[in-house]
Amino acid sequence: MMQQFKRVQKWLAMGLSVLVVLLSVAASAHSVEHVNHGLTEHCTLAFHQHQFAGGLANSTPTLPIQIQSVIISEFAITVCEVPFTASYRSRAPPQFLLS
């Protein structure tokens, strides 16, 4: 059941992506068709496209970039050597608890 759902979902996504590509080609071909016509000879779709032509900005967006400074810190590391003595090397309980 889950594999069938994933298969349908995959085909649906593939079909929608093909539809978007075809619609983008059709829209650009339609707008090229009306390049030499006046405003009165446009179809309804092209007429409404002229109304929304300024809806999106046509310029490249610029992002302000802030340069960050780097703080360099120096640390003095002191090495201390302490002898380690293992006083208990068994996993069993101490002998005085066993008796």
PDB file of N, CA and C in Angstrom:
ATOM      1  N   MET A   1       0.823  -1.186   0.000  1.00  0.00           N
ATOM      2  CA  MET A   1       0.000   0.000   0.000  1.00  0.00           C
ATOM      3  C   MET A   1       0.872   1.257   0.000  1.00  0.00           C
ATOM      4  N   MET A   2       1.927   1.258   0.829  1.00  0.00           N
ATOM      5  CA  MET A   2       2.803   2.429   0.930  1.00  0.00           C
ATOM      6  C   MET A   2       3.624   2.603  -0.338  1.00  0.00           C
ATOM      7  N   GLN A   3       4.080   1.488  -0.937  1.00  0.00           N
ATOM      8  CA  GLN A   3       4.847   1.588  -2.174  1.00  0.00           C
ATOM      9  C   GLN A   3       3.986   2.123  -3.312  1.00  0.00           C
ATOM     10  N   GLN A   4       2.722   1.718  -3.346  1.00  0.00           N
ATOM     11  CA  GLN A   4       1.821   2.212  -4.381  1.00  0.00           C
ATOM     12  C   GLN A   4       1.595   3.708  -4.212  1.00  0.00           C
ATOM     13  N   PHE A   5       1.454   4.174  -2.983  1.00  0.00           N
ATOM     14  CA  PHE A   5       1.285   5.599  -2.716  1.00  0.00           C
ATOM     15  C   PHE A   5       2.515   6.379  -3.151  1.00  0.00           C
ATOM     16  N   LYS A   6       3.710   5.857  -2.854  1.00  0.00           N
ATOM     17  CA  LYS A   6       4.934   6.538  -3.259  1.00  0.00           C
ATOM     18  C   LYS A   6       5.077   6.564  -4.782  1.00  0.00           C
ATOM     19  N   ARG A   7       4.645   5.485  -5.440  1.00  0.00           N
ATOM     20  CA  ARG A   7       4.712   5.435  -6.901  1.00  0.00           C
ATOM     21  C   ARG A   7       3.777   6.482  -7.509  1.00  0.00           C
ATOM     22  N   VAL A   8       2.560   6.593  -6.979  1.00  0.00           N
ATOM     23  CA  VAL A   8       1.606   7.594  -7.462  1.00  0.00           C
ATOM     24  C   VAL A   8       2.135   8.993  -7.188  1.00  0.00           C
ATOM     25  N   GLN A   9       2.710   9.186  -6.030  1.00  0.00           N
ATOM     26  CA  GLN A   9       3.272  10.491  -5.676  1.00  0.00           C
ATOM     27  C   GLN A   9       4.423  10.857  -6.618  1.00  0.00           C
ATOM     28  N   LYS A  10       5.244   9.886  -6.960  1.00  0.00           N
ATOM     29  CA  LYS A  10       6.367  10.111  -7.875  1.00  0.00           C
ATOM     30  C   LYS A  10       5.867  10.494  -9.263  1.00  0.00           C
ATOM     31  N   TRP A  11       4.879   9.754  -9.781  1.00  0.00           N
ATOM     32  CA  TRP A  11       4.334  10.060 -11.100  1.00  0.00           C
ATOM     33  C   TRP A  11       3.609  11.402 -11.114  1.00  0.00           C
ATOM     34  N   LEU A  12       2.938  11.739 -10.042  1.00  0.00           N
ATOM     35  CA  LEU A  12       2.252  13.031  -9.951  1.00  0.00           C
ATOM     36  C   LEU A  12       3.253  14.179  -9.958  1.00  0.00           C
ATOM     37  N   ALA A  13       4.334  14.032  -9.220  1.00  0.00           N
ATOM     38  CA  ALA A  13       5.371  15.071  -9.204  1.00  0.00           C
ATOM     39  C   ALA A  13       6.024  15.196 -10.573  1.00  0.00           C
ATOM     40  N   MET A  14       6.265  14.086 -11.235  1.00  0.00           N
ATOM     41  CA  MET A  14       6.863  14.105 -12.569  1.00  0.00           C
ATOM     42  C   MET A  14       5.915  14.781 -13.559  1.00  0.00           C
ATOM     43  N   GLY A  15       4.643  14.449 -13.499  1.00  0.00           N
ATOM     44  CA  GLY A  15       3.661  15.041 -14.409  1.00  0.00           C
ATOM     45  C   GLY A  15       3.516  16.533 -14.203  1.00  0.00           C
ATOM     46  N   LEU A  16       3.502  16.963 -12.940  1.00  0.00           N
ATOM     47  CA  LEU A  16       3.387  18.398 -12.659  1.00  0.00           C
ATOM     48  C   LEU A  16       4.618  19.168 -13.112  1.00  0.00           C
ATOM     49  N   SER A  17       5.797  18.574 -12.980  1.00  0.00           N
ATOM     50  CA  SER A  17       7.002  19.265 -13.440  1.00  0.00           C
ATOM     51  C   SER A  17       7.017  19.381 -14.961  1.00  0.00           C
ATOM     52  N   VAL A  18       6.554  18.357 -15.676  1.00  0.00           N
ATOM     53  CA  VAL A  18       6.454  18.436 -17.138  1.00  0.00           C
ATOM     54  C   VAL A  18       5.432  19.496 -17.541  1.00  0.00           C
ATOM     55  N   LEU A  19       4.319  19.574 -16.810  1.00  0.00           N
ATOM     56  CA  LEU A  19       3.290  20.575 -17.089  1.00  0.00           C
ATOM     57  C   LEU A  19       3.822  21.989 -16.901  1.00  0.00           C
ATOM     58  N   VAL A  20       4.622  22.214 -15.868  1.00  0.00           N
ATOM     59  CA  VAL A  20       5.208  23.538 -15.635  1.00  0.00           C
ATOM     60  C   VAL A  20       6.145  23.919 -16.774  1.00  0.00           C
ATOM     61  N   VAL A  21       6.942  22.985 -17.246  1.00  0.00           N
ATOM     62  CA  VAL A  21       7.855  23.264 -18.361  1.00  0.00           C
ATOM     63  C   VAL A  21       7.066  23.596 -19.620  1.00  0.00           C
ATOM     64  N   LEU A  22       6.034  22.824 -19.912  1.00  0.00           N
ATOM     65  CA  LEU A  22       5.221  23.084 -21.104  1.00  0.00           C
ATOM     66  C   LEU A  22       4.499  24.422 -21.015  1.00  0.00           C
ATOM     67  N   LEU A  23       3.973  24.761 -19.848  1.00  0.00           N
ATOM     68  CA  LEU A  23       3.287  26.044 -19.690  1.00  0.00           C
ATOM     69  C   LEU A  23       4.242  27.217 -19.810  1.00  0.00           C
ATOM     70  N   SER A  24       5.477  27.071 -19.332  1.00  0.00           N
ATOM     71  CA  SER A  24       6.431  28.167 -19.468  1.00  0.00           C
ATOM     72  C   SER A  24       6.806  28.393 -20.925  1.00  0.00           C
ATOM     73  N   VAL A  25       6.939  27.307 -21.691  1.00  0.00           N
ATOM     74  CA  VAL A  25       7.224  27.438 -23.119  1.00  0.00           C
ATOM     75  C   VAL A  25       6.038  28.047 -23.842  1.00  0.00           C
ATOM     76  N   ALA A  26       4.826  27.613 -23.505  1.00  0.00           N
ATOM     77  CA  ALA A  26       3.624  28.155 -24.154  1.00  0.00           C
ATOM     78  C   ALA A  26       3.428  29.625 -23.825  1.00  0.00           C
ATOM     79  N   ALA A  27       3.699  30.027 -22.591  1.00  0.00           N
ATOM     80  CA  ALA A  27       3.528  31.435 -22.202  1.00  0.00           C
ATOM     81  C   ALA A  27       4.532  32.323 -22.921  1.00  0.00           C
ATOM     82  N   SER A  28       5.764  31.867 -23.042  1.00  0.00           N
ATOM     83  CA  SER A  28       6.753  32.683 -23.746  1.00  0.00           C
ATOM     84  C   SER A  28       6.443  32.743 -25.239  1.00  0.00           C
ATOM     85  N   ALA A  29       5.970  31.663 -25.826  1.00  0.00           N
ATOM     86  CA  ALA A  29       5.593  31.680 -27.240  1.00  0.00           C
ATOM     87  C   ALA A  29       4.392  32.584 -27.464  1.00  0.00           C
ATOM     88  N   HIS A  30       3.454  32.608 -26.545  1.00  0.00           N
ATOM     89  CA  HIS A  30       2.277  33.457 -26.656  1.00  0.00           C
ATOM     90  C   HIS A  30       2.645  34.932 -26.566  1.00  0.00           C
ATOM     91  N   SER A  31       3.558  35.269 -25.677  1.00  0.00           N
ATOM     92  CA  SER A  31       3.947  36.681 -25.546  1.00  0.00           C
ATOM     93  C   SER A  31       4.753  37.140 -26.751  1.00  0.00           C
ATOM     94  N   VAL A  32       5.532  36.239 -27.362  1.00  0.00           N
ATOM     95  CA  VAL A  32       6.287  36.597 -28.566  1.00  0.00           C
ATOM     96  C   VAL A  32       5.339  36.818 -29.740  1.00  0.00           C
ATOM     97  N   GLU A  33       4.229  36.115 -29.745  1.00  0.00           N
ATOM     98  CA  GLU A  33       3.247  36.251 -30.826  1.00  0.00           C
ATOM     99  C   GLU A  33       2.672  37.659 -30.881  1.00  0.00           C
ATOM    100  N   HIS A  34       2.539  38.329 -29.755  1.00  0.00           N
ATOM    101  CA  HIS A  34       1.921  39.649 -29.689  1.00  0.00           C
ATOM    102  C   HIS A  34       2.938  40.791 -29.650  1.00  0.00           C
ATOM    103  N   VAL A  35       4.170  40.576 -29.999  1.00  0.00           N
ATOM    104  CA  VAL A  35       5.185  41.618 -29.897  1.00  0.00           C
ATOM    105  C   VAL A  35       4.890  42.780 -30.838  1.00  0.00           C
ATOM    106  N   ASN A  36       4.524  42.498 -32.068  1.00  0.00           N
ATOM    107  CA  ASN A  36       4.307  43.553 -33.059  1.00  0.00           C
ATOM    108  C   ASN A  36       2.884  44.102 -33.075  1.00  0.00           C
ATOM    109  N   HIS A  37       1.979  43.560 -32.303  1.00  0.00           N
ATOM    110  CA  HIS A  37       0.594  44.029 -32.281  1.00  0.00           C
ATOM    111  C   HIS A  37       0.448  45.198 -31.331  1.00  0.00           C
ATOM    112  N   GLY A  38      -0.564  45.985 -31.552  1.00  0.00           N
ATOM    113  CA  GLY A  38      -0.860  47.060 -30.623  1.00  0.00           C
ATOM    114  C   GLY A  38      -1.601  46.530 -29.412  1.00  0.00           C
ATOM    115  N   LEU A  39      -1.910  47.414 -28.489  1.00  0.00           N
ATOM    116  CA  LEU A  39      -2.597  47.006 -27.264  1.00  0.00           C
ATOM    117  C   LEU A  39      -4.021  46.561 -27.545  1.00  0.00           C
ATOM    118  N   THR A  40      -4.635  47.104 -28.587  1.00  0.00           N
ATOM    119  CA  THR A  40      -6.035  46.758 -28.881  1.00  0.00           C
ATOM    120  C   THR A  40      -6.171  45.389 -29.526  1.00  0.00           C
ATOM    121  N   GLU A  41      -5.144  44.860 -30.135  1.00  0.00           N
ATOM    122  CA  GLU A  41      -5.233  43.581 -30.823  1.00  0.00           C
ATOM    123  C   GLU A  41      -4.853  42.397 -29.936  1.00  0.00           C
ATOM    124  N   HIS A  42      -4.526  42.631 -28.698  1.00  0.00           N
ATOM    125  CA  HIS A  42      -4.127  41.542 -27.807  1.00  0.00           C
ATOM    126  C   HIS A  42      -5.339  40.744 -27.363  1.00  0.00           C
ATOM    127  N   CYS A  43      -5.120  39.502 -27.093  1.00  0.00           N
ATOM    128  CA  CYS A  43      -6.174  38.684 -26.499  1.00  0.00           C
ATOM    129  C   CYS A  43      -6.308  39.031 -25.015  1.00  0.00           C
ATOM    130  N   THR A  44      -7.288  38.506 -24.359  1.00  0.00           N
ATOM    131  CA  THR A  44      -7.540  38.841 -22.958  1.00  0.00           C
ATOM    132  C   THR A  44      -6.372  38.428 -22.064  1.00  0.00           C
ATOM    133  N   LEU A  45      -5.779  37.270 -22.339  1.00  0.00           N
ATOM    134  CA  LEU A  45      -4.662  36.800 -21.530  1.00  0.00           C
ATOM    135  C   LEU A  45      -3.470  37.745 -21.640  1.00  0.00           C
ATOM    136  N   ALA A  46      -3.150  38.155 -22.859  1.00  0.00           N
ATOM    137  CA  ALA A  46      -2.015  39.058 -23.044  1.00  0.00           C
ATOM    138  C   ALA A  46      -2.326  40.446 -22.483  1.00  0.00           C
ATOM    139  N   PHE A  47      -3.578  40.889 -22.571  1.00  0.00           N
ATOM    140  CA  PHE A  47      -3.946  42.191 -22.026  1.00  0.00           C
ATOM    141  C   PHE A  47      -3.752  42.230 -20.512  1.00  0.00           C
ATOM    142  N   HIS A  48      -4.159  41.185 -19.828  1.00  0.00           N
ATOM    143  CA  HIS A  48      -3.978  41.131 -18.372  1.00  0.00           C
ATOM    144  C   HIS A  48      -2.518  40.939 -17.999  1.00  0.00           C
ATOM    145  N   GLN A  49      -1.739  40.329 -18.878  1.00  0.00           N
ATOM    146  CA  GLN A  49      -0.311  40.162 -18.605  1.00  0.00           C
ATOM    147  C   GLN A  49       0.374  41.524 -18.575  1.00  0.00           C
ATOM    148  N   HIS A  50      -0.071  42.464 -19.426  1.00  0.00           N
ATOM    149  CA  HIS A  50       0.494  43.810 -19.424  1.00  0.00           C
ATOM    150  C   HIS A  50       0.193  44.529 -18.116  1.00  0.00           C
ATOM    151  N   GLN A  51      -0.961  44.253 -17.521  1.00  0.00           N
ATOM    152  CA  GLN A  51      -1.314  44.902 -16.256  1.00  0.00           C
ATOM    153  C   GLN A  51      -0.418  44.434 -15.117  1.00  0.00           C
ATOM    154  N   PHE A  52      -0.023  43.176 -15.166  1.00  0.00           N
ATOM    155  CA  PHE A  52       0.787  42.616 -14.074  1.00  0.00           C
ATOM    156  C   PHE A  52       2.268  42.569 -14.404  1.00  0.00           C
ATOM    157  N   ALA A  53       2.677  43.202 -15.494  1.00  0.00           N
ATOM    158  CA  ALA A  53       4.078  43.137 -15.901  1.00  0.00           C
ATOM    159  C   ALA A  53       4.995  43.777 -14.863  1.00  0.00           C
ATOM    160  N   GLY A  54       4.530  44.813 -14.166  1.00  0.00           N
ATOM    161  CA  GLY A  54       5.357  45.487 -13.168  1.00  0.00           C
ATOM    162  C   GLY A  54       5.183  44.930 -11.772  1.00  0.00           C
ATOM    163  N   GLY A  55       4.537  43.785 -11.656  1.00  0.00           N
ATOM    164  CA  GLY A  55       4.297  43.202 -10.341  1.00  0.00           C
ATOM    165  C   GLY A  55       5.554  42.740  -9.651  1.00  0.00           C
ATOM    166  N   LEU A  56       6.505  42.253 -10.417  1.00  0.00           N
ATOM    167  CA  LEU A  56       7.779  41.799  -9.863  1.00  0.00           C
ATOM    168  C   LEU A  56       8.884  42.754 -10.282  1.00  0.00           C
ATOM    169  N   ALA A  57       9.853  42.892  -9.441  1.00  0.00           N
ATOM    170  CA  ALA A  57      10.973  43.780  -9.753  1.00  0.00           C
ATOM    171  C   ALA A  57      11.822  43.175 -10.864  1.00  0.00           C
ATOM    172  N   ASN A  58      12.238  44.025 -11.800  1.00  0.00           N
ATOM    173  CA  ASN A  58      13.056  43.548 -12.915  1.00  0.00           C
ATOM    174  C   ASN A  58      14.541  43.734 -12.673  1.00  0.00           C
ATOM    175  N   SER A  59      14.909  44.284 -11.541  1.00  0.00           N
ATOM    176  CA  SER A  59      16.318  44.523 -11.264  1.00  0.00           C
ATOM    177  C   SER A  59      16.888  43.389 -10.406  1.00  0.00           C
ATOM    178  N   THR A  60      18.175  43.286 -10.428  1.00  0.00           N
ATOM    179  CA  THR A  60      18.850  42.274  -9.631  1.00  0.00           C
ATOM    180  C   THR A  60      18.883  42.725  -8.173  1.00  0.00           C
ATOM    181  N   PRO A  61      18.447  41.879  -7.256  1.00  0.00           N
ATOM    182  CA  PRO A  61      18.470  42.291  -5.851  1.00  0.00           C
ATOM    183  C   PRO A  61      19.903  42.400  -5.336  1.00  0.00           C
ATOM    184  N   THR A  62      20.135  43.396  -4.517  1.00  0.00           N
ATOM    185  CA  THR A  62      21.452  43.560  -3.904  1.00  0.00           C
ATOM    186  C   THR A  62      21.322  43.304  -2.408  1.00  0.00           C
ATOM    187  N   LEU A  63      22.240  42.564  -1.891  1.00  0.00           N
ATOM    188  CA  LEU A  63      22.240  42.240  -0.467  1.00  0.00           C
ATOM    189  C   LEU A  63      23.391  42.965   0.207  1.00  0.00           C
ATOM    190  N   PRO A  64      23.107  43.711   1.280  1.00  0.00           N
ATOM    191  CA  PRO A  64      24.201  44.379   1.986  1.00  0.00           C
ATOM    192  C   PRO A  64      25.069  43.352   2.709  1.00  0.00           C
ATOM    193  N   ILE A  65      26.357  43.453   2.511  1.00  0.00           N
ATOM    194  CA  ILE A  65      27.295  42.512   3.123  1.00  0.00           C
ATOM    195  C   ILE A  65      28.070  43.238   4.208  1.00  0.00           C
ATOM    196  N   GLN A  66      28.061  42.696   5.390  1.00  0.00           N
ATOM    197  CA  GLN A  66      28.801  43.275   6.497  1.00  0.00           C
ATOM    198  C   GLN A  66      30.068  42.460   6.707  1.00  0.00           C
ATOM    199  N   ILE A  67      31.186  43.141   6.711  1.00  0.00           N
ATOM    200  CA  ILE A  67      32.461  42.474   6.929  1.00  0.00           C
ATOM    201  C   ILE A  67      32.683  42.342   8.430  1.00  0.00           C
ATOM    202  N   GLN A  68      32.930  41.139   8.868  1.00  0.00           N
ATOM    203  CA  GLN A  68      33.123  40.883  10.286  1.00  0.00           C
ATOM    204  C   GLN A  68      34.612  40.868  10.602  1.00  0.00           C
ATOM    205  N   SER A  69      34.918  41.394  11.763  1.00  0.00           N
ATOM    206  CA  SER A  69      36.314  41.396  12.191  1.00  0.00           C
ATOM    207  C   SER A  69      36.617  40.125  12.982  1.00  0.00           C
ATOM    208  N   VAL A  70      37.898  39.808  13.061  1.00  0.00           N
ATOM    209  CA  VAL A  70      38.335  38.608  13.750  1.00  0.00           C
ATOM    210  C   VAL A  70      39.153  39.021  14.970  1.00  0.00           C
ATOM    211  N   ILE A  71      38.847  38.445  16.102  1.00  0.00           N
ATOM    212  CA  ILE A  71      39.593  38.718  17.328  1.00  0.00           C
ATOM    213  C   ILE A  71      40.569  37.569  17.544  1.00  0.00           C
ATOM    214  N   ILE A  72      41.830  37.895  17.606  1.00  0.00           N
ATOM    215  CA  ILE A  72      42.859  36.884  17.806  1.00  0.00           C
ATOM    216  C   ILE A  72      43.225  36.852  19.288  1.00  0.00           C
ATOM    217  N   SER A  73      43.113  35.682  19.873  1.00  0.00           N
ATOM    218  CA  SER A  73      43.423  35.517  21.294  1.00  0.00           C
ATOM    219  C   SER A  73      44.544  34.496  21.435  1.00  0.00           C
ATOM    220  N   GLU A  74      45.422  34.743  22.388  1.00  0.00           N
ATOM    221  CA  GLU A  74      46.492  33.797  22.671  1.00  0.00           C
ATOM    222  C   GLU A  74      46.295  33.263  24.087  1.00  0.00           C
ATOM    223  N   PHE A  75      46.454  31.970  24.233  1.00  0.00           N
ATOM    224  CA  PHE A  75      46.278  31.335  25.524  1.00  0.00           C
ATOM    225  C   PHE A  75      47.588  30.653  25.913  1.00  0.00           C
ATOM    226  N   ALA A  76      47.921  30.773  27.189  1.00  0.00           N
ATOM    227  CA  ALA A  76      49.087  30.073  27.722  1.00  0.00           C
ATOM    228  C   ALA A  76      48.586  28.803  28.398  1.00  0.00           C
ATOM    229  N   ILE A  77      49.057  27.674  27.930  1.00  0.00           N
ATOM    230  CA  ILE A  77      48.622  26.395  28.484  1.00  0.00           C
ATOM    231  C   ILE A  77      49.702  25.896  29.436  1.00  0.00           C
ATOM    232  N   THR A  78      49.301  25.623  30.661  1.00  0.00           N
ATOM    233  CA  THR A  78      50.216  25.111  31.670  1.00  0.00           C
ATOM    234  C   THR A  78      50.002  23.609  31.792  1.00  0.00           C
ATOM    235  N   VAL A  79      51.071  22.859  31.661  1.00  0.00           N
ATOM    236  CA  VAL A  79      50.993  21.405  31.738  1.00  0.00           C
ATOM    237  C   VAL A  79      51.396  20.987  33.147  1.00  0.00           C
ATOM    238  N   CYS A  80      50.507  20.250  33.789  1.00  0.00           N
ATOM    239  CA  CYS A  80      50.789  19.729  35.135  1.00  0.00           C
ATOM    240  C   CYS A  80      50.840  18.212  35.049  1.00  0.00           C
ATOM    241  N   GLU A  81      51.933  17.643  35.504  1.00  0.00           N
ATOM    242  CA  GLU A  81      52.054  16.202  35.492  1.00  0.00           C
ATOM    243  C   GLU A  81      51.871  15.687  36.913  1.00  0.00           C
ATOM    244  N   VAL A  82      50.842  14.868  37.096  1.00  0.00           N
ATOM    245  CA  VAL A  82      50.537  14.287  38.395  1.00  0.00           C
ATOM    246  C   VAL A  82      50.624  12.774  38.237  1.00  0.00           C
ATOM    247  N   PRO A  83      51.412  12.106  39.083  1.00  0.00           N
ATOM    248  CA  PRO A  83      51.511  10.644  38.942  1.00  0.00           C
ATOM    249  C   PRO A  83      50.194   9.977  39.332  1.00  0.00           C
ATOM    250  N   PHE A  84      49.819   8.988  38.560  1.00  0.00           N
ATOM    251  CA  PHE A  84      48.578   8.267  38.804  1.00  0.00           C
ATOM    252  C   PHE A  84      48.908   6.891  39.356  1.00  0.00           C
ATOM    253  N   THR A  85      48.254   6.542  40.445  1.00  0.00           N
ATOM    254  CA  THR A  85      48.440   5.208  41.009  1.00  0.00           C
ATOM    255  C   THR A  85      47.089   4.519  41.054  1.00  0.00           C
ATOM    256  N   ALA A  86      47.022   3.349  40.446  1.00  0.00           N
ATOM    257  CA  ALA A  86      45.786   2.578  40.441  1.00  0.00           C
ATOM    258  C   ALA A  86      45.748   1.734  41.703  1.00  0.00           C
ATOM    259  N   SER A  87      44.799   1.997  42.555  1.00  0.00           N
ATOM    260  CA  SER A  87      44.739   1.258  43.804  1.00  0.00           C
ATOM    261  C   SER A  87      43.770   0.083  43.720  1.00  0.00           C
ATOM    262  N   TYR A  88      42.955   0.035  42.720  1.00  0.00           N
ATOM    263  CA  TYR A  88      41.964  -1.031  42.627  1.00  0.00           C
ATOM    264  C   TYR A  88      41.901  -1.469  41.177  1.00  0.00           C
ATOM    265  N   ARG A  89      42.288  -2.733  40.875  1.00  0.00           N
ATOM    266  CA  ARG A  89      42.377  -3.201  39.500  1.00  0.00           C
ATOM    267  C   ARG A  89      41.430  -4.346  39.193  1.00  0.00           C
ATOM    268  N   SER A  90      40.500  -4.600  40.018  1.00  0.00           N
ATOM    269  CA  SER A  90      39.609  -5.733  39.816  1.00  0.00           C
ATOM    270  C   SER A  90      38.178  -5.228  39.696  1.00  0.00           C
ATOM    271  N   ARG A  91      37.375  -6.031  39.015  1.00  0.00           N
ATOM    272  CA  ARG A  91      35.967  -5.676  38.912  1.00  0.00           C
ATOM    273  C   ARG A  91      35.157  -6.334  40.032  1.00  0.00           C
ATOM    274  N   ALA A  92      35.763  -7.196  40.738  1.00  0.00           N
ATOM    275  CA  ALA A  92      35.080  -7.865  41.831  1.00  0.00           C
ATOM    276  C   ALA A  92      35.068  -6.951  43.051  1.00  0.00           C
ATOM    277  N   PRO A  93      34.197  -7.227  44.014  1.00  0.00           N
ATOM    278  CA  PRO A  93      34.190  -6.425  45.235  1.00  0.00           C
ATOM    279  C   PRO A  93      35.509  -6.604  45.997  1.00  0.00           C
ATOM    280  N   PRO A  94      35.860  -5.688  46.842  1.00  0.00           N
ATOM    281  CA  PRO A  94      37.091  -5.820  47.641  1.00  0.00           C
ATOM    282  C   PRO A  94      37.045  -7.085  48.511  1.00  0.00           C
ATOM    283  N   GLN A  95      38.239  -7.596  48.836  1.00  0.00           N
ATOM    284  CA  GLN A  95      38.346  -8.848  49.585  1.00  0.00           C
ATOM    285  C   GLN A  95      37.732  -8.733  50.981  1.00  0.00           C
ATOM    286  N   PHE A  96      37.839  -7.566  51.599  1.00  0.00           N
ATOM    287  CA  PHE A  96      37.309  -7.482  52.965  1.00  0.00           C
ATOM    288  C   PHE A  96      35.775  -7.534  52.973  1.00  0.00           C
ATOM    289  N   LEU A  97      35.109  -7.293  51.849  1.00  0.00           N
ATOM    290  CA  LEU A  97      33.649  -7.397  51.821  1.00  0.00           C
ATOM    291  C   LEU A  97      33.179  -8.819  51.563  1.00  0.00           C
ATOM    292  N   LEU A  98      34.068  -9.669  51.014  1.00  0.00           N
ATOM    293  CA  LEU A  98      33.698 -11.047  50.704  1.00  0.00           C
ATOM    294  C   LEU A  98      33.719 -11.941  51.921  1.00  0.00           C
ATOM    295  N   SER A  99      34.479 -11.632  52.928  1.00  0.00           N
ATOM    296  CA  SER A  99      34.592 -12.530  54.069  1.00  0.00           C
ATOM    297  C   SER A  99      33.538 -12.295  55.118  1.00  0.00           C
TER     298      SER A  99
END
